[in-house]
């Protein structure tokens, strides 16, 4: 039986190359684009809704306490 082939040299022989149309972070910021993703936007909306609900709960509690 032959020993298993060592492919570690083959993997390091090929450099990691970015695609030629890849934009750098500086180019994205200069173009007005940020690293924000749809998940970031969704999280921001969920946070705003949670804050609004918290304010409504505080108003209801104060209204019942003062009534």
N, C-alpha and C. Protein backbone atom coordinates (compact mmCIF):
# COMPACT_ATOMS: atom_id res chain seq x y z
N UNK A 1 0.84 -1.20 0.00
CA UNK A 1 0.00 0.00 0.00
C UNK A 1 0.88 1.25 0.00
N UNK A 2 0.42 2.23 -0.71
CA UNK A 2 1.16 3.48 -0.76
C UNK A 2 0.70 4.38 0.38
N UNK A 3 1.63 5.17 0.97
CA UNK A 3 1.22 6.11 2.02
C UNK A 3 0.34 7.20 1.42
N UNK A 4 -0.52 7.83 2.24
CA UNK A 4 -1.38 8.89 1.71
C UNK A 4 -0.54 10.05 1.19
N UNK A 5 -1.01 10.64 0.12
CA UNK A 5 -0.29 11.75 -0.50
C UNK A 5 -0.40 12.99 0.38
N UNK A 6 0.69 13.72 0.46
CA UNK A 6 0.71 14.96 1.24
C UNK A 6 0.42 16.12 0.28
N UNK A 7 -0.76 16.70 0.41
CA UNK A 7 -1.17 17.78 -0.49
C UNK A 7 -0.91 19.16 0.08
N UNK A 8 -0.20 19.26 1.20
CA UNK A 8 -0.01 20.56 1.83
C UNK A 8 0.81 21.49 0.95
N UNK A 9 1.79 20.95 0.19
CA UNK A 9 2.59 21.81 -0.68
C UNK A 9 1.76 22.33 -1.84
N UNK A 10 0.84 21.53 -2.33
CA UNK A 10 0.01 21.97 -3.45
C UNK A 10 -0.88 23.14 -3.05
N UNK A 11 -1.39 23.11 -1.83
CA UNK A 11 -2.28 24.19 -1.39
C UNK A 11 -1.52 25.49 -1.21
N UNK A 12 -0.28 25.42 -0.72
CA UNK A 12 0.47 26.65 -0.50
C UNK A 12 1.09 27.17 -1.78
N UNK A 13 1.17 26.36 -2.82
CA UNK A 13 1.76 26.80 -4.07
C UNK A 13 0.85 27.78 -4.81
N UNK A 14 -0.44 27.73 -4.56
CA UNK A 14 -1.39 28.61 -5.24
C UNK A 14 -1.71 29.78 -4.30
N UNK A 15 -1.31 30.99 -4.66
CA UNK A 15 -1.59 32.13 -3.77
C UNK A 15 -3.07 32.49 -3.79
N UNK A 16 -3.49 33.10 -2.71
CA UNK A 16 -4.87 33.60 -2.65
C UNK A 16 -4.94 34.89 -3.45
N UNK A 17 -5.68 34.86 -4.52
CA UNK A 17 -5.77 36.01 -5.42
C UNK A 17 -7.19 36.54 -5.38
N UNK A 18 -7.30 37.86 -5.17
CA UNK A 18 -8.62 38.48 -5.21
C UNK A 18 -9.04 38.63 -6.66
N UNK A 19 -10.32 38.65 -6.88
CA UNK A 19 -10.79 38.87 -8.25
C UNK A 19 -10.42 40.29 -8.67
N UNK A 20 -10.14 40.51 -9.94
CA UNK A 20 -9.67 41.83 -10.38
C UNK A 20 -10.69 42.94 -10.16
N UNK A 21 -11.98 42.60 -10.08
CA UNK A 21 -12.98 43.65 -9.89
C UNK A 21 -13.34 43.83 -8.41
N UNK A 22 -12.58 43.20 -7.52
CA UNK A 22 -12.85 43.37 -6.09
C UNK A 22 -12.46 44.79 -5.68
N UNK A 23 -13.31 45.39 -4.86
CA UNK A 23 -13.06 46.76 -4.42
C UNK A 23 -12.51 46.74 -3.01
N UNK A 24 -11.61 47.66 -2.73
CA UNK A 24 -11.06 47.75 -1.38
C UNK A 24 -12.06 48.46 -0.47
N UNK A 25 -11.81 48.34 0.82
CA UNK A 25 -12.70 48.99 1.79
C UNK A 25 -12.67 50.50 1.61
N UNK A 26 -11.50 51.05 1.30
CA UNK A 26 -11.39 52.49 1.09
C UNK A 26 -12.23 52.95 -0.10
N UNK A 27 -12.25 52.14 -1.17
CA UNK A 27 -13.06 52.48 -2.33
C UNK A 27 -14.54 52.42 -2.00
N UNK A 28 -14.94 51.45 -1.19
CA UNK A 28 -16.35 51.34 -0.81
C UNK A 28 -16.77 52.55 0.03
N UNK A 29 -15.92 52.96 0.98
CA UNK A 29 -16.24 54.12 1.82
C UNK A 29 -16.28 55.38 0.97
N UNK A 30 -15.33 55.53 0.05
CA UNK A 30 -15.30 56.71 -0.81
C UNK A 30 -16.53 56.78 -1.71
N UNK A 31 -17.07 55.63 -2.08
CA UNK A 31 -18.26 55.60 -2.92
C UNK A 31 -19.54 55.80 -2.11
N UNK A 32 -19.40 55.94 -0.79
CA UNK A 32 -20.57 56.14 0.05
C UNK A 32 -21.19 54.85 0.53
N UNK A 33 -20.55 53.74 0.26
CA UNK A 33 -21.07 52.45 0.72
C UNK A 33 -20.35 52.08 2.00
N UNK A 34 -21.09 51.54 2.93
CA UNK A 34 -20.48 51.08 4.17
C UNK A 34 -20.52 49.57 4.22
N UNK A 35 -19.97 49.03 5.28
CA UNK A 35 -19.94 47.57 5.44
C UNK A 35 -21.25 47.04 6.02
N UNK A 36 -22.25 47.91 6.14
CA UNK A 36 -23.53 47.48 6.71
C UNK A 36 -24.19 46.45 5.80
N UNK A 37 -24.70 45.43 6.40
CA UNK A 37 -25.37 44.37 5.65
C UNK A 37 -26.87 44.45 5.91
N UNK A 38 -27.67 43.73 5.16
CA UNK A 38 -29.11 43.71 5.45
C UNK A 38 -29.40 43.23 6.87
N UNK A 39 -28.56 42.32 7.39
CA UNK A 39 -28.77 41.85 8.76
C UNK A 39 -28.52 42.97 9.76
N UNK A 40 -27.54 43.83 9.47
CA UNK A 40 -27.28 44.98 10.33
C UNK A 40 -28.48 45.92 10.33
N UNK A 41 -29.04 46.17 9.16
CA UNK A 41 -30.21 47.04 9.05
C UNK A 41 -31.40 46.42 9.78
N UNK A 42 -31.58 45.12 9.62
CA UNK A 42 -32.69 44.44 10.30
C UNK A 42 -32.51 44.51 11.81
N UNK A 43 -31.29 44.36 12.28
CA UNK A 43 -31.01 44.46 13.71
C UNK A 43 -31.29 45.86 14.23
N UNK A 44 -30.98 46.87 13.43
CA UNK A 44 -31.25 48.25 13.83
C UNK A 44 -32.75 48.50 13.94
N UNK A 45 -33.51 47.99 12.99
CA UNK A 45 -34.97 48.15 13.02
C UNK A 45 -35.55 47.43 14.23
N UNK A 46 -35.07 46.22 14.50
CA UNK A 46 -35.55 45.46 15.65
C UNK A 46 -35.23 46.20 16.95
N UNK A 47 -34.05 46.82 17.02
CA UNK A 47 -33.67 47.58 18.21
C UNK A 47 -34.59 48.78 18.40
N UNK A 48 -34.90 49.48 17.32
CA UNK A 48 -35.80 50.64 17.42
C UNK A 48 -37.20 50.22 17.86
N UNK A 49 -37.69 49.10 17.35
CA UNK A 49 -39.00 48.60 17.76
C UNK A 49 -38.98 48.23 19.23
N UNK A 50 -37.90 47.58 19.68
CA UNK A 50 -37.80 47.21 21.09
C UNK A 50 -37.78 48.44 21.99
N UNK A 51 -37.10 49.49 21.56
CA UNK A 51 -37.09 50.74 22.34
C UNK A 51 -38.48 51.37 22.40
N UNK A 52 -39.19 51.36 21.29
CA UNK A 52 -40.54 51.92 21.27
C UNK A 52 -41.46 51.14 22.18
N UNK A 53 -41.35 49.81 22.18
CA UNK A 53 -42.18 48.98 23.06
C UNK A 53 -41.84 49.26 24.51
N UNK A 54 -40.56 49.43 24.82
CA UNK A 54 -40.16 49.72 26.20
C UNK A 54 -40.73 51.05 26.66
N UNK A 55 -40.71 52.05 25.79
CA UNK A 55 -41.27 53.36 26.15
C UNK A 55 -42.77 53.25 26.38
N UNK A 56 -43.47 52.49 25.53
CA UNK A 56 -44.91 52.31 25.72
C UNK A 56 -45.21 51.61 27.03
N UNK A 57 -44.42 50.61 27.39
CA UNK A 57 -44.64 49.91 28.67
C UNK A 57 -44.44 50.86 29.83
N UNK A 58 -43.41 51.71 29.76
CA UNK A 58 -43.18 52.68 30.83
C UNK A 58 -44.35 53.65 30.93
N UNK A 59 -44.88 54.10 29.81
CA UNK A 59 -46.02 55.02 29.83
C UNK A 59 -47.24 54.35 30.45
N UNK A 60 -47.51 53.10 30.09
CA UNK A 60 -48.67 52.39 30.64
C UNK A 60 -48.50 52.18 32.14
N UNK A 61 -47.31 51.81 32.57
CA UNK A 61 -47.07 51.60 34.01
C UNK A 61 -47.24 52.91 34.77
N UNK A 62 -46.69 53.99 34.24
CA UNK A 62 -46.85 55.28 34.92
C UNK A 62 -48.31 55.73 34.93
N UNK A 63 -49.04 55.48 33.85
CA UNK A 63 -50.45 55.88 33.80
C UNK A 63 -51.26 55.11 34.83
N UNK A 64 -51.01 53.82 34.97
CA UNK A 64 -51.76 53.04 35.96
C UNK A 64 -51.32 53.39 37.38
N UNK A 65 -50.07 53.73 37.57
CA UNK A 65 -49.59 54.10 38.91
C UNK A 65 -50.16 55.45 39.33
N UNK A 66 -50.25 56.38 38.40
CA UNK A 66 -50.73 57.72 38.74
C UNK A 66 -52.26 57.83 38.70
N UNK A 67 -52.93 56.85 38.17
CA UNK A 67 -54.39 56.92 38.06
C UNK A 67 -55.06 56.64 39.38
